[in-house]
Full PDB file with SEQRES, HELIX, SHEET, SSBOND, CRYST1, ORIGX, SCALE, CONECT and MASTER records, all heavy atoms in Angstrom:
SEQRES   1 A   34  GLY GLY LEU VAL GLN PRO GLY GLY SER LEU ARG LEU SER          
SEQRES   2 A   34  CYS ALA ALA SER ARG SER ILE PHE SER ILE ASP ALA MET          
SEQRES   3 A   34  GLY TRP TYR ARG GLN ALA PRO GLY                              
CRYST1    1.000    1.000    1.000  90.00  90.00  90.00 P 1           1          
ORIGX1      1.000000  0.000000  0.000000        0.00000                         
ORIGX2      0.000000  1.000000  0.000000        0.00000                         
ORIGX3      0.000000  0.000000  1.000000        0.00000                         
SCALE1      1.000000  0.000000  0.000000        0.00000                         
SCALE2      0.000000  1.000000  0.000000        0.00000                         
SCALE3      0.000000  0.000000  1.000000        0.00000                         
ATOM      1  N   GLY A   1    -136.877-151.534 100.799  1.00  0.00           N  
ATOM      2  CA  GLY A   1    -137.768-152.525 101.398  1.00  0.00           C  
ATOM      3  C   GLY A   1    -137.131-153.911 101.331  1.00  0.00           C  
ATOM      4  O   GLY A   1    -136.187-154.163 100.623  1.00  0.00           O  
ATOM      5  N   GLY A   2    -137.740-154.812 102.137  1.00  0.00           N  
ATOM      6  CA  GLY A   2    -137.250-156.224 102.147  1.00  0.00           C  
ATOM      7  C   GLY A   2    -137.769-156.926 103.313  1.00  0.00           C  
ATOM      8  O   GLY A   2    -138.694-156.507 103.973  1.00  0.00           O  
ATOM      9  N   LEU A   3    -137.130-158.087 103.535  1.00  0.00           N  
ATOM     10  CA  LEU A   3    -137.469-158.942 104.670  1.00  0.00           C  
ATOM     11  C   LEU A   3    -136.525-158.686 105.885  1.00  0.00           C  
ATOM     12  O   LEU A   3    -135.300-158.662 105.653  1.00  0.00           O  
ATOM     13  CB  LEU A   3    -137.399-160.423 104.241  1.00  0.00           C  
ATOM     14  CG  LEU A   3    -137.644-161.512 105.241  1.00  0.00           C  
ATOM     15  CD1 LEU A   3    -139.084-161.417 105.763  1.00  0.00           C  
ATOM     16  CD2 LEU A   3    -137.379-162.856 104.751  1.00  0.00           C  
ATOM     17  N   VAL A   4    -137.072-158.573 107.036  1.00  0.00           N  
ATOM     18  CA  VAL A   4    -136.320-158.260 108.158  1.00  0.00           C  
ATOM     19  C   VAL A   4    -136.920-158.991 109.386  1.00  0.00           C  
ATOM     20  O   VAL A   4    -138.103-159.195 109.491  1.00  0.00           O  
ATOM     21  CB  VAL A   4    -136.249-156.749 108.488  1.00  0.00           C  
ATOM     22  CG1 VAL A   4    -137.560-156.145 108.824  1.00  0.00           C  
ATOM     23  CG2 VAL A   4    -135.174-156.448 109.590  1.00  0.00           C  
ATOM     24  N   GLN A   5    -136.130-159.363 110.408  1.00  0.00           N  
ATOM     25  CA  GLN A   5    -136.593-160.083 111.596  1.00  0.00           C  
ATOM     26  C   GLN A   5    -137.180-159.037 112.561  1.00  0.00           C  
ATOM     27  O   GLN A   5    -136.781-157.854 112.539  1.00  0.00           O  
ATOM     28  CB  GLN A   5    -135.488-160.832 112.223  1.00  0.00           C  
ATOM     29  CG  GLN A   5    -134.965-161.994 111.395  1.00  0.00           C  
ATOM     30  CD  GLN A   5    -133.896-162.751 112.102  1.00  0.00           C  
ATOM     31  OE1 GLN A   5    -133.439-162.405 113.239  1.00  0.00           O  
ATOM     32  NE2 GLN A   5    -133.381-163.802 111.445  1.00  0.00           N  
ATOM     33  N   PRO A   6    -138.064-159.467 113.423  1.00  0.00           N  
ATOM     34  CA  PRO A   6    -138.584-158.523 114.459  1.00  0.00           C  
ATOM     35  C   PRO A   6    -137.427-158.037 115.257  1.00  0.00           C  
ATOM     36  O   PRO A   6    -136.476-158.682 115.609  1.00  0.00           O  
ATOM     37  CB  PRO A   6    -139.453-159.469 115.331  1.00  0.00           C  
ATOM     38  CG  PRO A   6    -139.894-160.523 114.406  1.00  0.00           C  
ATOM     39  CD  PRO A   6    -138.699-160.766 113.471  1.00  0.00           C  
ATOM     40  N   GLY A   7    -137.498-156.694 115.536  1.00  0.00           N  
ATOM     41  CA  GLY A   7    -136.387-155.996 116.302  1.00  0.00           C  
ATOM     42  C   GLY A   7    -135.351-155.497 115.407  1.00  0.00           C  
ATOM     43  O   GLY A   7    -134.476-154.668 115.876  1.00  0.00           O  
ATOM     44  N   GLY A   8    -135.385-155.799 114.153  1.00  0.00           N  
ATOM     45  CA  GLY A   8    -134.401-155.333 113.177  1.00  0.00           C  
ATOM     46  C   GLY A   8    -134.691-153.961 112.659  1.00  0.00           C  
ATOM     47  O   GLY A   8    -135.625-153.269 113.051  1.00  0.00           O  
ATOM     48  N   SER A   9    -133.903-153.488 111.710  1.00  0.00           N  
ATOM     49  CA  SER A   9    -133.968-152.104 111.174  1.00  0.00           C  
ATOM     50  C   SER A   9    -133.937-152.207 109.641  1.00  0.00           C  
ATOM     51  O   SER A   9    -133.274-153.033 109.004  1.00  0.00           O  
ATOM     52  CB  SER A   9    -132.813-151.281 111.671  1.00  0.00           C  
ATOM     53  OG  SER A   9    -132.906-151.095 113.055  1.00  0.00           O  
ATOM     54  N   LEU A  10    -134.572-151.210 109.014  1.00  0.00           N  
ATOM     55  CA  LEU A  10    -134.509-150.944 107.600  1.00  0.00           C  
ATOM     56  C   LEU A  10    -134.516-149.436 107.384  1.00  0.00           C  
ATOM     57  O   LEU A  10    -135.038-148.690 108.185  1.00  0.00           O  
ATOM     58  CB  LEU A  10    -135.673-151.544 106.775  1.00  0.00           C  
ATOM     59  CG  LEU A  10    -135.656-153.006 106.572  1.00  0.00           C  
ATOM     60  CD1 LEU A  10    -137.028-153.428 105.948  1.00  0.00           C  
ATOM     61  CD2 LEU A  10    -134.516-153.431 105.686  1.00  0.00           C  
ATOM     62  N   ARG A  11    -133.869-149.020 106.256  1.00  0.00           N  
ATOM     63  CA  ARG A  11    -133.943-147.586 105.837  1.00  0.00           C  
ATOM     64  C   ARG A  11    -134.505-147.524 104.424  1.00  0.00           C  
ATOM     65  O   ARG A  11    -133.991-147.988 103.475  1.00  0.00           O  
ATOM     66  CB  ARG A  11    -132.626-146.839 105.881  1.00  0.00           C  
ATOM     67  CG  ARG A  11    -132.727-145.328 105.664  1.00  0.00           C  
ATOM     68  CD  ARG A  11    -131.477-144.599 105.724  1.00  0.00           C  
ATOM     69  NE  ARG A  11    -130.612-144.829 104.484  1.00  0.00           N  
ATOM     70  CZ  ARG A  11    -129.679-144.022 104.124  1.00  0.00           C  
ATOM     71  NH1 ARG A  11    -129.335-142.960 104.827  1.00  0.00           N  
ATOM     72  NH2 ARG A  11    -128.913-144.328 103.054  1.00  0.00           N  
ATOM     73  N   LEU A  12    -135.713-146.863 104.388  1.00  0.00           N  
ATOM     74  CA  LEU A  12    -136.320-146.630 103.098  1.00  0.00           C  
ATOM     75  C   LEU A  12    -135.973-145.317 102.508  1.00  0.00           C  
ATOM     76  O   LEU A  12    -135.722-144.345 103.202  1.00  0.00           O  
ATOM     77  CB  LEU A  12    -137.925-146.699 103.209  1.00  0.00           C  
ATOM     78  CG  LEU A  12    -138.489-147.853 103.929  1.00  0.00           C  
ATOM     79  CD1 LEU A  12    -140.003-147.743 103.906  1.00  0.00           C  
ATOM     80  CD2 LEU A  12    -138.048-149.168 103.252  1.00  0.00           C  
ATOM     81  N   SER A  13    -135.791-145.262 101.181  1.00  0.00           N  
ATOM     82  CA  SER A  13    -135.392-144.052 100.427  1.00  0.00           C  
ATOM     83  C   SER A  13    -136.463-143.749  99.439  1.00  0.00           C  
ATOM     84  O   SER A  13    -137.073-144.628  98.849  1.00  0.00           O  
ATOM     85  CB  SER A  13    -134.070-144.258  99.756  1.00  0.00           C  
ATOM     86  OG  SER A  13    -133.032-144.475 100.591  1.00  0.00           O  
ATOM     87  N   CYS A  14    -136.719-142.482  99.252  1.00  0.00           N  
ATOM     88  CA  CYS A  14    -137.662-141.937  98.216  1.00  0.00           C  
ATOM     89  C   CYS A  14    -136.872-140.890  97.410  1.00  0.00           C  
ATOM     90  O   CYS A  14    -136.700-139.779  97.894  1.00  0.00           O  
ATOM     91  CB  CYS A  14    -138.889-141.349  98.954  1.00  0.00           C  
ATOM     92  SG  CYS A  14    -139.994-140.514  97.784  1.00  0.00           S  
ATOM     93  N   ALA A  15    -136.576-141.258  96.217  1.00  0.00           N  
ATOM     94  CA  ALA A  15    -135.825-140.429  95.305  1.00  0.00           C  
ATOM     95  C   ALA A  15    -136.811-139.627  94.416  1.00  0.00           C  
ATOM     96  O   ALA A  15    -137.602-140.273  93.733  1.00  0.00           O  
ATOM     97  CB  ALA A  15    -134.842-141.171  94.468  1.00  0.00           C  
ATOM     98  N   ALA A  16    -136.754-138.310  94.376  1.00  0.00           N  
ATOM     99  CA  ALA A  16    -137.596-137.476  93.605  1.00  0.00           C  
ATOM    100  C   ALA A  16    -136.908-137.055  92.292  1.00  0.00           C  
ATOM    101  O   ALA A  16    -135.698-136.924  92.205  1.00  0.00           O  
ATOM    102  CB  ALA A  16    -137.994-136.200  94.361  1.00  0.00           C  
ATOM    103  N   SER A  17    -137.698-136.834  91.285  1.00  0.00           N  
ATOM    104  CA  SER A  17    -137.241-136.472  89.909  1.00  0.00           C  
ATOM    105  C   SER A  17    -136.749-135.011  89.838  1.00  0.00           C  
ATOM    106  O   SER A  17    -136.121-134.627  88.767  1.00  0.00           O  
ATOM    107  CB  SER A  17    -138.277-136.771  88.888  1.00  0.00           C  
ATOM    108  OG  SER A  17    -139.421-136.008  89.063  1.00  0.00           O  
ATOM    109  N   ARG A  18    -137.087-134.174  90.772  1.00  0.00           N  
ATOM    110  CA  ARG A  18    -136.720-132.774  90.755  1.00  0.00           C  
ATOM    111  C   ARG A  18    -136.519-132.354  92.189  1.00  0.00           C  
ATOM    112  O   ARG A  18    -136.690-133.093  93.142  1.00  0.00           O  
ATOM    113  CB  ARG A  18    -137.760-131.922  90.099  1.00  0.00           C  
ATOM    114  CG  ARG A  18    -139.090-131.870  90.812  1.00  0.00           C  
ATOM    115  CD  ARG A  18    -139.916-130.727  90.228  1.00  0.00           C  
ATOM    116  NE  ARG A  18    -141.241-130.623  90.793  1.00  0.00           N  
ATOM    117  CZ  ARG A  18    -141.555-129.941  91.916  1.00  0.00           C  
ATOM    118  NH1 ARG A  18    -140.528-129.322  92.606  1.00  0.00           N  
ATOM    119  NH2 ARG A  18    -142.789-129.933  92.374  1.00  0.00           N  
ATOM    120  N   SER A  19    -136.055-131.149  92.350  1.00  0.00           N  
ATOM    121  CA  SER A  19    -135.793-130.531  93.693  1.00  0.00           C  
ATOM    122  C   SER A  19    -136.971-130.611  94.576  1.00  0.00           C  
ATOM    123  O   SER A  19    -138.166-130.457  94.161  1.00  0.00           O  
ATOM    124  CB  SER A  19    -135.381-129.091  93.580  1.00  0.00           C  
ATOM    125  OG  SER A  19    -135.231-128.491  94.821  1.00  0.00           O  
ATOM    126  N   ILE A  20    -136.734-131.018  95.799  1.00  0.00           N  
ATOM    127  CA  ILE A  20    -137.854-131.087  96.853  1.00  0.00           C  
ATOM    128  C   ILE A  20    -137.781-129.915  97.770  1.00  0.00           C  
ATOM    129  O   ILE A  20    -138.531-129.860  98.756  1.00  0.00           O  
ATOM    130  CB  ILE A  20    -137.805-132.411  97.615  1.00  0.00           C  
ATOM    131  CG1 ILE A  20    -136.502-132.551  98.391  1.00  0.00           C  
ATOM    132  CG2 ILE A  20    -138.040-133.593  96.705  1.00  0.00           C  
ATOM    133  CD1 ILE A  20    -136.505-133.732  99.315  1.00  0.00           C  
ATOM    134  N   PHE A  21    -136.863-128.966  97.478  1.00  0.00           N  
ATOM    135  CA  PHE A  21    -136.685-127.808  98.392  1.00  0.00           C  
ATOM    136  C   PHE A  21    -138.020-127.026  98.519  1.00  0.00           C  
ATOM    137  O   PHE A  21    -138.243-126.627  99.684  1.00  0.00           O  
ATOM    138  CB  PHE A  21    -135.656-126.904  97.751  1.00  0.00           C  
ATOM    139  CG  PHE A  21    -135.397-125.624  98.552  1.00  0.00           C  
ATOM    140  CD1 PHE A  21    -134.655-125.720  99.744  1.00  0.00           C  
ATOM    141  CD2 PHE A  21    -135.922-124.445  98.138  1.00  0.00           C  
ATOM    142  CE1 PHE A  21    -134.429-124.490 100.449  1.00  0.00           C  
ATOM    143  CE2 PHE A  21    -135.747-123.275  98.844  1.00  0.00           C  
ATOM    144  CZ  PHE A  21    -134.940-123.286 100.027  1.00  0.00           C  
ATOM    145  N   SER A  22    -138.755-126.849  97.426  1.00  0.00           N  
ATOM    146  CA  SER A  22    -139.961-126.003  97.468  1.00  0.00           C  
ATOM    147  C   SER A  22    -141.234-126.810  97.762  1.00  0.00           C  
ATOM    148  O   SER A  22    -142.327-126.213  97.788  1.00  0.00           O  
ATOM    149  CB  SER A  22    -140.092-125.213  96.261  1.00  0.00           C  
ATOM    150  OG  SER A  22    -140.241-126.106  95.073  1.00  0.00           O  
ATOM    151  N   ILE A  23    -141.153-128.062  97.934  1.00  0.00           N  
ATOM    152  CA  ILE A  23    -142.331-128.937  98.225  1.00  0.00           C  
ATOM    153  C   ILE A  23    -142.765-128.772  99.651  1.00  0.00           C  
ATOM    154  O   ILE A  23    -141.858-128.901 100.560  1.00  0.00           O  
ATOM    155  CB  ILE A  23    -142.097-130.417  97.881  1.00  0.00           C  
ATOM    156  CG1 ILE A  23    -141.791-130.583  96.419  1.00  0.00           C  
ATOM    157  CG2 ILE A  23    -143.238-131.318  98.296  1.00  0.00           C  
ATOM    158  CD1 ILE A  23    -141.451-131.955  95.974  1.00  0.00           C  
ATOM    159  N   ASP A  24    -144.023-128.410  99.842  1.00  0.00           N  
ATOM    160  CA  ASP A  24    -144.448-128.110 101.268  1.00  0.00           C  
ATOM    161  C   ASP A  24    -144.224-129.211 102.197  1.00  0.00           C  
ATOM    162  O   ASP A  24    -143.763-128.996 103.305  1.00  0.00           O  
ATOM    163  CB  ASP A  24    -146.007-127.777 101.196  1.00  0.00           C  
ATOM    164  CG  ASP A  24    -146.278-126.433 100.598  1.00  0.00           C  
ATOM    165  OD1 ASP A  24    -145.325-125.606 100.471  1.00  0.00           O  
ATOM    166  OD2 ASP A  24    -147.415-126.236 100.221  1.00  0.00           O  
ATOM    167  N   ALA A  25    -144.499-130.482 101.791  1.00  0.00           N  
ATOM    168  CA  ALA A  25    -144.263-131.615 102.734  1.00  0.00           C  
ATOM    169  C   ALA A  25    -144.102-132.848 101.968  1.00  0.00           C  
ATOM    170  O   ALA A  25    -144.635-133.055 100.902  1.00  0.00           O  
ATOM    171  CB  ALA A  25    -145.438-131.692 103.667  1.00  0.00           C  
ATOM    172  N   MET A  26    -143.310-133.800 102.511  1.00  0.00           N  
ATOM    173  CA  MET A  26    -143.127-135.153 102.029  1.00  0.00           C  
ATOM    174  C   MET A  26    -143.517-136.042 103.123  1.00  0.00           C  
ATOM    175  O   MET A  26    -143.408-135.846 104.307  1.00  0.00           O  
ATOM    176  CB  MET A  26    -141.679-135.363 101.650  1.00  0.00           C  
ATOM    177  CG  MET A  26    -141.084-134.387 100.631  1.00  0.00           C  
ATOM    178  SD  MET A  26    -141.743-134.705  98.933  1.00  0.00           S  
ATOM    179  CE  MET A  26    -141.113-136.354  98.618  1.00  0.00           C  
ATOM    180  N   GLY A  27    -144.164-137.230 102.729  1.00  0.00           N  
ATOM    181  CA  GLY A  27    -144.669-138.159 103.641  1.00  0.00           C  
ATOM    182  C   GLY A  27    -144.451-139.564 103.313  1.00  0.00           C  
ATOM    183  O   GLY A  27    -144.196-139.893 102.139  1.00  0.00           O  
ATOM    184  N   TRP A  28    -144.477-140.448 104.319  1.00  0.00           N  
ATOM    185  CA  TRP A  28    -144.537-141.885 104.167  1.00  0.00           C  
ATOM    186  C   TRP A  28    -145.841-142.427 104.656  1.00  0.00           C  
ATOM    187  O   TRP A  28    -146.252-142.034 105.760  1.00  0.00           O  
ATOM    188  CB  TRP A  28    -143.382-142.562 104.935  1.00  0.00           C  
ATOM    189  CG  TRP A  28    -141.984-142.380 104.302  1.00  0.00           C  
ATOM    190  CD1 TRP A  28    -141.099-141.509 104.628  1.00  0.00           C  
ATOM    191  CD2 TRP A  28    -141.485-143.176 103.225  1.00  0.00           C  
ATOM    192  NE1 TRP A  28    -139.940-141.634 103.809  1.00  0.00           N  
ATOM    193  CE2 TRP A  28    -140.160-142.687 102.955  1.00  0.00           C  
ATOM    194  CE3 TRP A  28    -141.909-144.242 102.486  1.00  0.00           C  
ATOM    195  CZ2 TRP A  28    -139.312-143.227 101.968  1.00  0.00           C  
ATOM    196  CZ3 TRP A  28    -141.077-144.833 101.474  1.00  0.00           C  
ATOM    197  CH2 TRP A  28    -139.828-144.300 101.300  1.00  0.00           C  
ATOM    198  N   TYR A  29    -146.383-143.243 103.891  1.00  0.00           N  
ATOM    199  CA  TYR A  29    -147.673-143.940 104.184  1.00  0.00           C  
ATOM    200  C   TYR A  29    -147.422-145.439 104.050  1.00  0.00           C  
ATOM    201  O   TYR A  29    -146.502-145.918 103.457  1.00  0.00           O  
ATOM    202  CB  TYR A  29    -148.842-143.443 103.285  1.00  0.00           C  
ATOM    203  CG  TYR A  29    -149.237-142.076 103.474  1.00  0.00           C  
ATOM    204  CD1 TYR A  29    -148.460-140.980 102.958  1.00  0.00           C  
ATOM    205  CD2 TYR A  29    -150.407-141.692 104.065  1.00  0.00           C  
ATOM    206  CE1 TYR A  29    -148.725-139.666 103.199  1.00  0.00           C  
ATOM    207  CE2 TYR A  29    -150.850-140.427 104.195  1.00  0.00           C  
ATOM    208  CZ  TYR A  29    -149.955-139.331 103.746  1.00  0.00           C  
ATOM    209  OH  TYR A  29    -150.362-138.037 103.888  1.00  0.00           O  
ATOM    210  N   ARG A  30    -148.375-146.231 104.627  1.00  0.00           N  
ATOM    211  CA  ARG A  30    -148.262-147.685 104.444  1.00  0.00           C  
ATOM    212  C   ARG A  30    -149.669-148.326 104.419  1.00  0.00           C  
ATOM    213  O   ARG A  30    -150.624-147.694 104.948  1.00  0.00           O  
ATOM    214  CB  ARG A  30    -147.423-148.301 105.580  1.00  0.00           C  
ATOM    215  CG  ARG A  30    -148.121-148.291 106.894  1.00  0.00           C  
ATOM    216  CD  ARG A  30    -147.168-148.813 108.023  1.00  0.00           C  
ATOM    217  NE  ARG A  30    -147.789-148.838 109.355  1.00  0.00           N  
ATOM    218  CZ  ARG A  30    -147.141-149.150 110.460  1.00  0.00           C  
ATOM    219  NH1 ARG A  30    -145.865-149.409 110.420  1.00  0.00           N  
ATOM    220  NH2 ARG A  30    -147.788-149.127 111.652  1.00  0.00           N  
ATOM    221  N   GLN A  31    -149.723-149.383 103.703  1.00  0.00           N  
ATOM    222  CA  GLN A  31    -150.965-150.166 103.681  1.00  0.00           C  
ATOM    223  C   GLN A  31    -150.691-151.613 103.858  1.00  0.00           C  
ATOM    224  O   GLN A  31    -149.966-152.283 103.057  1.00  0.00           O  
ATOM    225  CB  GLN A  31    -151.643-149.966 102.306  1.00  0.00           C  
ATOM    226  CG  GLN A  31    -153.023-150.592 102.220  1.00  0.00           C  
ATOM    227  CD  GLN A  31    -153.866-150.076 101.038  1.00  0.00           C  
ATOM    228  OE1 GLN A  31    -153.244-149.460 100.060  1.00  0.00           O  
ATOM    229  NE2 GLN A  31    -155.133-150.153 101.088  1.00  0.00           N  
ATOM    230  N   ALA A  32    -151.221-152.161 104.952  1.00  0.00           N  
ATOM    231  CA  ALA A  32    -151.092-153.563 105.267  1.00  0.00           C  
ATOM    232  C   ALA A  32    -152.235-154.348 104.656  1.00  0.00           C  
ATOM    233  O   ALA A  32    -153.391-153.828 104.329  1.00  0.00           O  
ATOM    234  CB  ALA A  32    -151.073-153.766 106.824  1.00  0.00           C  
ATOM    235  N   PRO A  33    -152.117-155.629 104.488  1.00  0.00           N  
ATOM    236  CA  PRO A  33    -153.219-156.515 103.935  1.00  0.00           C  
ATOM    237  C   PRO A  33    -154.484-156.300 104.775  1.00  0.00           C  
ATOM    238  O   PRO A  33    -154.413-156.457 105.989  1.00  0.00           O  
ATOM    239  CB  PRO A  33    -152.664-157.897 103.990  1.00  0.00           C  
ATOM    240  CG  PRO A  33    -151.166-157.754 103.952  1.00  0.00           C  
ATOM    241  CD  PRO A  33    -150.907-156.435 104.721  1.00  0.00           C  
ATOM    242  N   GLY A  34    -155.594-156.054 104.078  1.00  0.00           N  
ATOM    243  CA  GLY A  34    -156.883-155.926 104.726  1.00  0.00           C  
ATOM    244  C   GLY A  34    -157.098-154.597 105.450  1.00  0.00           C  
ATOM    245  O   GLY A  34    -158.123-154.483 106.165  1.00  0.00           O  
TER     246      GLY A  34                                                      
MASTER        0    0    0    0    0    0    0    6  245    1    0    3          
END                                                                             
């Protein structure tokens, strides 16, 4: 995460402590102010 200008790009990473091979699903969620 970080600060980026409109129209720009970012790549988020989520590192897991164990294998994710057998995990049914992984997801990204977000929460904006309010």
